[in-house]
Amino acid sequence: MKLGSLILVGVLAACAYGDPHQNFLEYQARKIGGSIDDLAARRALVDDSQLQNGNRVAKYWYVQPYKNRQCIEIYEYDPIARKILKASFEGNQCIWNP
């Protein structure tokens, strides 16, 4: 009986987090308005280039604890204020479980 209860609790806890890809999108949305420097301190930079509008775009590997997951976080930011303006991604394996 205890084992069944533990399994049920585990399943319910896993479901409480919702869709992992949606979690990732919400995670990225929370970064908008924040500092690119705070984000860069914890990421492996893939590319940082200037856009035609004067802003910059930084691409980071999104490290996930799963083998063969490929995801790159992309952030457009103001190079003077160092604030993130937009967030997007490349890849189809962008997930986050809080």
PDB file of N, CA and C in Angstrom:
ATOM      1  N   MET A   1       0.820  -1.204   0.000  1.00  0.00           N
ATOM      2  CA  MET A   1       0.000   0.000   0.000  1.00  0.00           C
ATOM      3  C   MET A   1       0.862   1.265   0.000  1.00  0.00           C
ATOM      4  N   LYS A   2       1.946   1.255   0.798  1.00  0.00           N
ATOM      5  CA  LYS A   2       2.812   2.426   0.848  1.00  0.00           C
ATOM      6  C   LYS A   2       3.494   2.671  -0.486  1.00  0.00           C
ATOM      7  N   LEU A   3       3.913   1.602  -1.159  1.00  0.00           N
ATOM      8  CA  LEU A   3       4.565   1.752  -2.456  1.00  0.00           C
ATOM      9  C   LEU A   3       3.618   2.384  -3.470  1.00  0.00           C
ATOM     10  N   GLY A   4       2.370   1.945  -3.473  1.00  0.00           N
ATOM     11  CA  GLY A   4       1.375   2.520  -4.385  1.00  0.00           C
ATOM     12  C   GLY A   4       1.159   4.001  -4.107  1.00  0.00           C
ATOM     13  N   SER A   5       1.134   4.369  -2.848  1.00  0.00           N
ATOM     14  CA  SER A   5       0.963   5.781  -2.475  1.00  0.00           C
ATOM     15  C   SER A   5       2.155   6.606  -2.935  1.00  0.00           C
ATOM     16  N   LEU A   6       3.355   6.067  -2.780  1.00  0.00           N
ATOM     17  CA  LEU A   6       4.549   6.787  -3.206  1.00  0.00           C
ATOM     18  C   LEU A   6       4.578   6.979  -4.717  1.00  0.00           C
ATOM     19  N   ILE A   7       4.182   5.965  -5.434  1.00  0.00           N
ATOM     20  CA  ILE A   7       4.145   6.076  -6.898  1.00  0.00           C
ATOM     21  C   ILE A   7       3.126   7.126  -7.316  1.00  0.00           C
ATOM     22  N   LEU A   8       1.975   7.132  -6.698  1.00  0.00           N
ATOM     23  CA  LEU A   8       0.942   8.113  -7.013  1.00  0.00           C
ATOM     24  C   LEU A   8       1.435   9.526  -6.730  1.00  0.00           C
ATOM     25  N   VAL A   9       2.095   9.725  -5.604  1.00  0.00           N
ATOM     26  CA  VAL A   9       2.625  11.047  -5.259  1.00  0.00           C
ATOM     27  C   VAL A   9       3.666  11.470  -6.297  1.00  0.00           C
ATOM     28  N   GLY A  10       4.521  10.541  -6.717  1.00  0.00           N
ATOM     29  CA  GLY A  10       5.529  10.853  -7.726  1.00  0.00           C
ATOM     30  C   GLY A  10       4.923  11.254  -9.048  1.00  0.00           C
ATOM     31  N   VAL A  11       3.922  10.544  -9.477  1.00  0.00           N
ATOM     32  CA  VAL A  11       3.243  10.856 -10.740  1.00  0.00           C
ATOM     33  C   VAL A  11       2.564  12.219 -10.660  1.00  0.00           C
ATOM     34  N   LEU A  12       1.888  12.491  -9.572  1.00  0.00           N
ATOM     35  CA  LEU A  12       1.211  13.780  -9.413  1.00  0.00           C
ATOM     36  C   LEU A  12       2.207  14.924  -9.362  1.00  0.00           C
ATOM     37  N   ALA A  13       3.331  14.727  -8.699  1.00  0.00           N
ATOM     38  CA  ALA A  13       4.358  15.770  -8.641  1.00  0.00           C
ATOM     39  C   ALA A  13       4.920  16.050 -10.027  1.00  0.00           C
ATOM     40  N   ALA A  14       5.146  15.019 -10.816  1.00  0.00           N
ATOM     41  CA  ALA A  14       5.666  15.197 -12.172  1.00  0.00           C
ATOM     42  C   ALA A  14       4.666  15.962 -13.039  1.00  0.00           C
ATOM     43  N   CYS A  15       3.403  15.691 -12.876  1.00  0.00           N
ATOM     44  CA  CYS A  15       2.372  16.373 -13.664  1.00  0.00           C
ATOM     45  C   CYS A  15       2.210  17.825 -13.245  1.00  0.00           C
ATOM     46  N   ALA A  16       2.530  18.143 -12.016  1.00  0.00           N
ATOM     47  CA  ALA A  16       2.350  19.500 -11.507  1.00  0.00           C
ATOM     48  C   ALA A  16       3.240  20.504 -12.242  1.00  0.00           C
ATOM     49  N   TYR A  17       4.337  20.045 -12.815  1.00  0.00           N
ATOM     50  CA  TYR A  17       5.245  20.939 -13.501  1.00  0.00           C
ATOM     51  C   TYR A  17       4.761  21.308 -14.902  1.00  0.00           C
ATOM     52  N   GLY A  18       3.807  20.601 -15.435  1.00  0.00           N
ATOM     53  CA  GLY A  18       3.263  20.916 -16.740  1.00  0.00           C
ATOM     54  C   GLY A  18       4.169  20.476 -17.868  1.00  0.00           C
ATOM     55  N   ASP A  19       3.913  21.026 -19.025  1.00  0.00           N
ATOM     56  CA  ASP A  19       4.658  20.689 -20.233  1.00  0.00           C
ATOM     57  C   ASP A  19       6.080  21.245 -20.147  1.00  0.00           C
ATOM     58  N   PRO A  20       7.106  20.417 -20.284  1.00  0.00           N
ATOM     59  CA  PRO A  20       8.489  20.884 -20.160  1.00  0.00           C
ATOM     60  C   PRO A  20       8.883  21.962 -21.166  1.00  0.00           C
ATOM     61  N   HIS A  21       8.365  21.896 -22.398  1.00  0.00           N
ATOM     62  CA  HIS A  21       8.701  22.932 -23.380  1.00  0.00           C
ATOM     63  C   HIS A  21       8.033  24.252 -23.006  1.00  0.00           C
ATOM     64  N   GLN A  22       6.796  24.199 -22.552  1.00  0.00           N
ATOM     65  CA  GLN A  22       6.119  25.422 -22.114  1.00  0.00           C
ATOM     66  C   GLN A  22       6.850  26.026 -20.920  1.00  0.00           C
ATOM     67  N   ASN A  23       7.335  25.180 -20.026  1.00  0.00           N
ATOM     68  CA  ASN A  23       8.132  25.664 -18.894  1.00  0.00           C
ATOM     69  C   ASN A  23       9.362  26.416 -19.387  1.00  0.00           C
ATOM     70  N   PHE A  24      10.014  25.882 -20.437  1.00  0.00           N
ATOM     71  CA  PHE A  24      11.191  26.534 -21.003  1.00  0.00           C
ATOM     72  C   PHE A  24      10.830  27.909 -21.569  1.00  0.00           C
ATOM     73  N   LEU A  25       9.714  27.999 -22.294  1.00  0.00           N
ATOM     74  CA  LEU A  25       9.291  29.285 -22.868  1.00  0.00           C
ATOM     75  C   LEU A  25       9.008  30.309 -21.778  1.00  0.00           C
ATOM     76  N   GLU A  26       8.375  29.868 -20.700  1.00  0.00           N
ATOM     77  CA  GLU A  26       8.096  30.766 -19.581  1.00  0.00           C
ATOM     78  C   GLU A  26       9.384  31.180 -18.882  1.00  0.00           C
ATOM     79  N   TYR A  27      10.319  30.263 -18.766  1.00  0.00           N
ATOM     80  CA  TYR A  27      11.637  30.550 -18.190  1.00  0.00           C
ATOM     81  C   TYR A  27      12.325  31.645 -19.011  1.00  0.00           C
ATOM     82  N   GLN A  28      12.302  31.504 -20.338  1.00  0.00           N
ATOM     83  CA  GLN A  28      12.922  32.508 -21.198  1.00  0.00           C
ATOM     84  C   GLN A  28      12.213  33.853 -21.079  1.00  0.00           C
ATOM     85  N   ALA A  29      10.906  33.841 -21.033  1.00  0.00           N
ATOM     86  CA  ALA A  29      10.136  35.090 -20.940  1.00  0.00           C
ATOM     87  C   ALA A  29      10.497  35.861 -19.663  1.00  0.00           C
ATOM     88  N   ARG A  30      10.793  35.138 -18.599  1.00  0.00           N
ATOM     89  CA  ARG A  30      11.168  35.802 -17.339  1.00  0.00           C
ATOM     90  C   ARG A  30      12.522  36.490 -17.434  1.00  0.00           C
ATOM     91  N   LYS A  31      13.331  36.141 -18.407  1.00  0.00           N
ATOM     92  CA  LYS A  31      14.647  36.758 -18.573  1.00  0.00           C
ATOM     93  C   LYS A  31      14.559  38.127 -19.241  1.00  0.00           C
ATOM     94  N   ILE A  32      13.471  38.399 -19.971  1.00  0.00           N
ATOM     95  CA  ILE A  32      13.311  39.677 -20.668  1.00  0.00           C
ATOM     96  C   ILE A  32      13.254  40.801 -19.637  1.00  0.00           C
ATOM     97  N   GLY A  33      14.063  41.827 -19.877  1.00  0.00           N
ATOM     98  CA  GLY A  33      14.164  42.953 -18.948  1.00  0.00           C
ATOM     99  C   GLY A  33      15.323  42.800 -17.971  1.00  0.00           C
ATOM    100  N   GLY A  34      15.861  41.607 -17.893  1.00  0.00           N
ATOM    101  CA  GLY A  34      16.999  41.348 -17.010  1.00  0.00           C
ATOM    102  C   GLY A  34      18.318  41.674 -17.697  1.00  0.00           C
ATOM    103  N   SER A  35      19.388  41.520 -16.965  1.00  0.00           N
ATOM    104  CA  SER A  35      20.717  41.825 -17.475  1.00  0.00           C
ATOM    105  C   SER A  35      21.299  40.654 -18.258  1.00  0.00           C
ATOM    106  N   ILE A  36      21.857  40.947 -19.419  1.00  0.00           N
ATOM    107  CA  ILE A  36      22.530  39.911 -20.205  1.00  0.00           C
ATOM    108  C   ILE A  36      23.765  39.416 -19.458  1.00  0.00           C
ATOM    109  N   ASP A  37      24.347  40.264 -18.621  1.00  0.00           N
ATOM    110  CA  ASP A  37      25.539  39.871 -17.870  1.00  0.00           C
ATOM    111  C   ASP A  37      25.215  38.799 -16.830  1.00  0.00           C
ATOM    112  N   ASP A  38      24.048  38.892 -16.210  1.00  0.00           N
ATOM    113  CA  ASP A  38      23.644  37.865 -15.240  1.00  0.00           C
ATOM    114  C   ASP A  38      23.457  36.527 -15.932  1.00  0.00           C
ATOM    115  N   LEU A  39      22.891  36.564 -17.109  1.00  0.00           N
ATOM    116  CA  LEU A  39      22.657  35.345 -17.873  1.00  0.00           C
ATOM    117  C   LEU A  39      23.978  34.760 -18.378  1.00  0.00           C
ATOM    118  N   ALA A  40      24.848  35.612 -18.881  1.00  0.00           N
ATOM    119  CA  ALA A  40      26.107  35.162 -19.478  1.00  0.00           C
ATOM    120  C   ALA A  40      27.029  34.498 -18.462  1.00  0.00           C
ATOM    121  N   ALA A  41      26.891  34.851 -17.223  1.00  0.00           N
ATOM    122  CA  ALA A  41      27.769  34.287 -16.194  1.00  0.00           C
ATOM    123  C   ALA A  41      27.553  32.789 -16.012  1.00  0.00           C
ATOM    124  N   ARG A  42      26.393  32.287 -16.420  1.00  0.00           N
ATOM    125  CA  ARG A  42      26.069  30.872 -16.210  1.00  0.00           C
ATOM    126  C   ARG A  42      25.852  30.098 -17.507  1.00  0.00           C
ATOM    127  N   ARG A  43      26.304  30.639 -18.637  1.00  0.00           N
ATOM    128  CA  ARG A  43      26.047  29.995 -19.915  1.00  0.00           C
ATOM    129  C   ARG A  43      27.316  29.882 -20.747  1.00  0.00           C
ATOM    130  N   ALA A  44      27.329  28.923 -21.669  1.00  0.00           N
ATOM    131  CA  ALA A  44      28.413  28.771 -22.632  1.00  0.00           C
ATOM    132  C   ALA A  44      28.025  29.531 -23.901  1.00  0.00           C
ATOM    133  N   LEU A  45      28.728  30.597 -24.200  1.00  0.00           N
ATOM    134  CA  LEU A  45      28.427  31.444 -25.350  1.00  0.00           C
ATOM    135  C   LEU A  45      28.765  30.725 -26.654  1.00  0.00           C
ATOM    136  N   VAL A  46      27.813  30.751 -27.584  1.00  0.00           N
ATOM    137  CA  VAL A  46      28.007  30.179 -28.915  1.00  0.00           C
ATOM    138  C   VAL A  46      28.370  31.294 -29.894  1.00  0.00           C
ATOM    139  N   ASP A  47      27.663  32.427 -29.804  1.00  0.00           N
ATOM    140  CA  ASP A  47      27.875  33.537 -30.727  1.00  0.00           C
ATOM    141  C   ASP A  47      27.315  34.810 -30.115  1.00  0.00           C
ATOM    142  N   ASP A  48      27.939  35.936 -30.427  1.00  0.00           N
ATOM    143  CA  ASP A  48      27.446  37.249 -30.018  1.00  0.00           C
ATOM    144  C   ASP A  48      27.724  38.185 -31.186  1.00  0.00           C
ATOM    145  N   SER A  49      26.670  38.685 -31.817  1.00  0.00           N
ATOM    146  CA  SER A  49      26.860  39.505 -33.012  1.00  0.00           C
ATOM    147  C   SER A  49      25.937  40.714 -32.986  1.00  0.00           C
ATOM    148  N   GLN A  50      26.302  41.708 -33.793  1.00  0.00           N
ATOM    149  CA  GLN A  50      25.521  42.933 -33.862  1.00  0.00           C
ATOM    150  C   GLN A  50      24.440  42.812 -34.920  1.00  0.00           C
ATOM    151  N   LEU A  51      23.253  43.337 -34.591  1.00  0.00           N
ATOM    152  CA  LEU A  51      22.143  43.369 -35.537  1.00  0.00           C
ATOM    153  C   LEU A  51      22.137  44.703 -36.267  1.00  0.00           C
ATOM    154  N   GLN A  52      21.387  44.795 -37.345  1.00  0.00           N
ATOM    155  CA  GLN A  52      21.308  46.037 -38.120  1.00  0.00           C
ATOM    156  C   GLN A  52      20.697  47.180 -37.324  1.00  0.00           C
ATOM    157  N   ASN A  53      19.849  46.855 -36.340  1.00  0.00           N
ATOM    158  CA  ASN A  53      19.203  47.907 -35.552  1.00  0.00           C
ATOM    159  C   ASN A  53      20.105  48.430 -34.422  1.00  0.00           C
ATOM    160  N   GLY A  54      21.328  47.922 -34.327  1.00  0.00           N
ATOM    161  CA  GLY A  54      22.268  48.371 -33.303  1.00  0.00           C
ATOM    162  C   GLY A  54      22.292  47.495 -32.064  1.00  0.00           C
ATOM    163  N   ASN A  55      21.270  46.709 -31.879  1.00  0.00           N
ATOM    164  CA  ASN A  55      21.258  45.777 -30.755  1.00  0.00           C
ATOM    165  C   ASN A  55      22.197  44.616 -31.046  1.00  0.00           C
ATOM    166  N   ARG A  56      22.396  43.798 -30.046  1.00  0.00           N
ATOM    167  CA  ARG A  56      23.225  42.612 -30.209  1.00  0.00           C
ATOM    168  C   ARG A  56      22.380  41.381 -29.936  1.00  0.00           C
ATOM    169  N   VAL A  57      22.827  40.256 -30.468  1.00  0.00           N
ATOM    170  CA  VAL A  57      22.148  38.983 -30.207  1.00  0.00           C
ATOM    171  C   VAL A  57      23.200  38.001 -29.697  1.00  0.00           C
ATOM    172  N   ALA A  58      22.893  37.402 -28.568  1.00  0.00           N
ATOM    173  CA  ALA A  58      23.785  36.421 -27.964  1.00  0.00           C
ATOM    174  C   ALA A  58      23.113  35.057 -28.015  1.00  0.00           C
ATOM    175  N   LYS A  59      23.900  34.052 -28.368  1.00  0.00           N
ATOM    176  CA  LYS A  59      23.400  32.674 -28.426  1.00  0.00           C
ATOM    177  C   LYS A  59      24.198  31.837 -27.425  1.00  0.00           C
ATOM    178  N   TYR A  60      23.475  31.068 -26.620  1.00  0.00           N
ATOM    179  CA  TYR A  60      24.091  30.233 -25.594  1.00  0.00           C
ATOM    180  C   TYR A  60      23.596  28.803 -25.706  1.00  0.00           C
ATOM    181  N   TRP A  61      24.505  27.849 -25.427  1.00  0.00           N
ATOM    182  CA  TRP A  61      24.072  26.460 -25.296  1.00  0.00           C
ATOM    183  C   TRP A  61      23.194  26.367 -24.070  1.00  0.00           C
ATOM    184  N   TYR A  62      22.058  25.754 -24.212  1.00  0.00           N
ATOM    185  CA  TYR A  62      21.204  25.472 -23.067  1.00  0.00           C
ATOM    186  C   TYR A  62      21.568  24.078 -22.594  1.00  0.00           C
ATOM    187  N   VAL A  63      22.260  23.998 -21.486  1.00  0.00           N
ATOM    188  CA  VAL A  63      22.751  22.726 -20.973  1.00  0.00           C
ATOM    189  C   VAL A  63      21.624  22.005 -20.258  1.00  0.00           C
ATOM    190  N   GLN A  64      21.398  20.776 -20.668  1.00  0.00           N
ATOM    191  CA  GLN A  64      20.334  19.964 -20.089  1.00  0.00           C
ATOM    192  C   GLN A  64      20.921  18.627 -19.645  1.00  0.00           C
ATOM    193  N   PRO A  65      20.396  18.066 -18.594  1.00  0.00           N
ATOM    194  CA  PRO A  65      20.958  16.811 -18.077  1.00  0.00           C
ATOM    195  C   PRO A  65      20.519  15.568 -18.847  1.00  0.00           C
ATOM    196  N   TYR A  66      20.333  15.700 -20.126  1.00  0.00           N
ATOM    197  CA  TYR A  66      19.921  14.570 -20.959  1.00  0.00           C
ATOM    198  C   TYR A  66      20.886  14.466 -22.129  1.00  0.00           C
ATOM    199  N   LYS A  67      21.224  13.271 -22.529  1.00  0.00           N
ATOM    200  CA  LYS A  67      22.106  13.095 -23.678  1.00  0.00           C
ATOM    201  C   LYS A  67      21.387  13.477 -24.969  1.00  0.00           C
ATOM    202  N   ASN A  68      22.153  13.994 -25.888  1.00  0.00           N
ATOM    203  CA  ASN A  68      21.678  14.298 -27.240  1.00  0.00           C
ATOM    204  C   ASN A  68      20.583  15.349 -27.308  1.00  0.00           C
ATOM    205  N   ARG A  69      20.450  16.181 -26.304  1.00  0.00           N
ATOM    206  CA  ARG A  69      19.478  17.274 -26.363  1.00  0.00           C
ATOM    207  C   ARG A  69      20.182  18.484 -26.957  1.00  0.00           C
ATOM    208  N   GLN A  70      19.614  19.056 -27.994  1.00  0.00           N
ATOM    209  CA  GLN A  70      20.223  20.194 -28.653  1.00  0.00           C
ATOM    210  C   GLN A  70      19.302  21.394 -28.554  1.00  0.00           C
ATOM    211  N   CYS A  71      19.791  22.421 -27.891  1.00  0.00           N
ATOM    212  CA  CYS A  71      18.992  23.634 -27.720  1.00  0.00           C
ATOM    213  C   CYS A  71      19.941  24.813 -27.565  1.00  0.00           C
ATOM    214  N   ILE A  72      19.638  25.882 -28.256  1.00  0.00           N
ATOM    215  CA  ILE A  72      20.404  27.120 -28.123  1.00  0.00           C
ATOM    216  C   ILE A  72      19.444  28.224 -27.722  1.00  0.00           C
ATOM    217  N   GLU A  73      19.755  28.884 -26.618  1.00  0.00           N
ATOM    218  CA  GLU A  73      18.976  30.045 -26.175  1.00  0.00           C
ATOM    219  C   GLU A  73      19.480  31.263 -26.947  1.00  0.00           C
ATOM    220  N   ILE A  74      18.557  32.110 -27.405  1.00  0.00           N
ATOM    221  CA  ILE A  74      18.916  33.304 -28.165  1.00  0.00           C
ATOM    222  C   ILE A  74      18.292  34.515 -27.475  1.00  0.00           C
ATOM    223  N   TYR A  75      19.135  35.516 -27.209  1.00  0.00           N
ATOM    224  CA  TYR A  75      18.665  36.720 -26.532  1.00  0.00           C
ATOM    225  C   TYR A  75      19.148  37.958 -27.281  1.00  0.00           C
ATOM    226  N   GLU A  76      18.192  38.819 -27.664  1.00  0.00           N
ATOM    227  CA  GLU A  76      18.535  40.122 -28.219  1.00  0.00           C
ATOM    228  C   GLU A  76      18.629  41.080 -27.045  1.00  0.00           C
ATOM    229  N   TYR A  77      19.692  41.898 -27.037  1.00  0.00           N
ATOM    230  CA  TYR A  77      19.859  42.821 -25.917  1.00  0.00           C
ATOM    231  C   TYR A  77      20.398  44.167 -26.377  1.00  0.00           C
ATOM    232  N   ASP A  78      20.136  45.172 -25.557  1.00  0.00           N
ATOM    233  CA  ASP A  78      20.634  46.520 -25.788  1.00  0.00           C
ATOM    234  C   ASP A  78      22.088  46.549 -25.311  1.00  0.00           C
ATOM    235  N   PRO A  79      23.044  46.861 -26.210  1.00  0.00           N
ATOM    236  CA  PRO A  79      24.451  46.793 -25.818  1.00  0.00           C
ATOM    237  C   PRO A  79      24.875  47.885 -24.826  1.00  0.00           C
ATOM    238  N   ILE A  80      24.122  48.970 -24.730  1.00  0.00           N
ATOM    239  CA  ILE A  80      24.469  50.040 -23.791  1.00  0.00           C
ATOM    240  C   ILE A  80      23.865  49.755 -22.417  1.00  0.00           C
ATOM    241  N   ALA A  81      22.562  49.488 -22.375  1.00  0.00           N
ATOM    242  CA  ALA A  81      21.892  49.206 -21.099  1.00  0.00           C
ATOM    243  C   ALA A  81      22.146  47.782 -20.618  1.00  0.00           C
ATOM    244  N   ARG A  82      22.564  46.888 -21.548  1.00  0.00           N
ATOM    245  CA  ARG A  82      22.840  45.477 -21.238  1.00  0.00           C
ATOM    246  C   ARG A  82      21.578  44.737 -20.790  1.00  0.00           C
ATOM    247  N   LYS A  83      20.420  45.212 -21.239  1.00  0.00           N
ATOM    248  CA  LYS A  83      19.136  44.598 -20.881  1.00  0.00           C
ATOM    249  C   LYS A  83      18.629  43.723 -22.017  1.00  0.00           C
ATOM    250  N   ILE A  84      18.062  42.570 -21.626  1.00  0.00           N
ATOM    251  CA  ILE A  84      17.500  41.632 -22.599  1.00  0.00           C
ATOM    252  C   ILE A  84      16.170  42.179 -23.113  1.00  0.00           C
ATOM    253  N   LEU A  85      16.023  42.210 -24.435  1.00  0.00           N
ATOM    254  CA  LEU A  85      14.822  42.749 -25.071  1.00  0.00           C
ATOM    255  C   LEU A  85      13.903  41.666 -25.627  1.00  0.00           C
ATOM    256  N   LYS A  86      14.497  40.600 -26.150  1.00  0.00           N
ATOM    257  CA  LYS A  86      13.725  39.506 -26.753  1.00  0.00           C
ATOM    258  C   LYS A  86      14.409  38.185 -26.438  1.00  0.00           C
ATOM    259  N   ALA A  87      13.617  37.127 -26.454  1.00  0.00           N
ATOM    260  CA  ALA A  87      14.159  35.788 -26.218  1.00  0.00           C
ATOM    261  C   ALA A  87      13.566  34.820 -27.229  1.00  0.00           C
ATOM    262  N   SER A  88      14.394  33.920 -27.725  1.00  0.00           N
ATOM    263  CA  SER A  88      13.932  32.862 -28.621  1.00  0.00           C
ATOM    264  C   SER A  88      14.885  31.680 -28.475  1.00  0.00           C
ATOM    265  N   PHE A  89      14.752  30.710 -29.346  1.00  0.00           N
ATOM    266  CA  PHE A  89      15.592  29.525 -29.252  1.00  0.00           C
ATOM    267  C   PHE A  89      15.736  28.869 -30.604  1.00  0.00           C
ATOM    268  N   GLU A  90      16.739  27.996 -30.717  1.00  0.00           N
ATOM    269  CA  GLU A  90      16.925  27.139 -31.881  1.00  0.00           C
ATOM    270  C   GLU A  90      16.967  25.710 -31.368  1.00  0.00           C
ATOM    271  N   GLY A  91      16.352  24.818 -32.088  1.00  0.00           N
ATOM    272  CA  GLY A  91      16.354  23.418 -31.702  1.00  0.00           C
ATOM    273  C   GLY A  91      14.972  22.954 -31.292  1.00  0.00           C
ATOM    274  N   ASN A  92      14.826  21.669 -31.185  1.00  0.00           N
ATOM    275  CA  ASN A  92      13.515  21.118 -30.828  1.00  0.00           C
ATOM    276  C   ASN A  92      13.570  20.353 -29.509  1.00  0.00           C
ATOM    277  N   GLN A  93      14.650  20.534 -28.765  1.00  0.00           N
ATOM    278  CA  GLN A  93      14.805  19.824 -27.501  1.00  0.00           C
ATOM    279  C   GLN A  93      14.927  20.803 -26.336  1.00  0.00           C
ATOM    280  N   CYS A  94      14.252  21.923 -26.422  1.00  0.00           N
ATOM    281  CA  CYS A  94      14.340  22.961 -25.398  1.00  0.00           C
ATOM    282  C   CYS A  94      13.260  22.719 -24.343  1.00  0.00           C
ATOM    283  N   ILE A  95      13.686  22.140 -23.239  1.00  0.00           N
ATOM    284  CA  ILE A  95      12.745  21.852 -22.163  1.00  0.00           C
ATOM    285  C   ILE A  95      13.322  22.307 -20.837  1.00  0.00           C
ATOM    286  N   TRP A  96      12.443  22.497 -19.857  1.00  0.00           N
ATOM    287  CA  TRP A  96      12.892  22.865 -18.505  1.00  0.00           C
ATOM    288  C   TRP A  96      11.883  22.315 -17.506  1.00  0.00           C
ATOM    289  N   ASN A  97      12.408  21.626 -16.545  1.00  0.00           N
ATOM    290  CA  ASN A  97      11.589  21.126 -15.433  1.00  0.00           C
ATOM    291  C   ASN A  97      12.071  21.812 -14.168  1.00  0.00           C
ATOM    292  N   PRO A  98      11.249  22.692 -13.598  1.00  0.00           N
ATOM    293  CA  PRO A  98      11.680  23.428 -12.400  1.00  0.00           C
ATOM    294  C   PRO A  98      11.940  22.539 -11.214  1.00  0.00           C
TER     295      PRO A  98
END
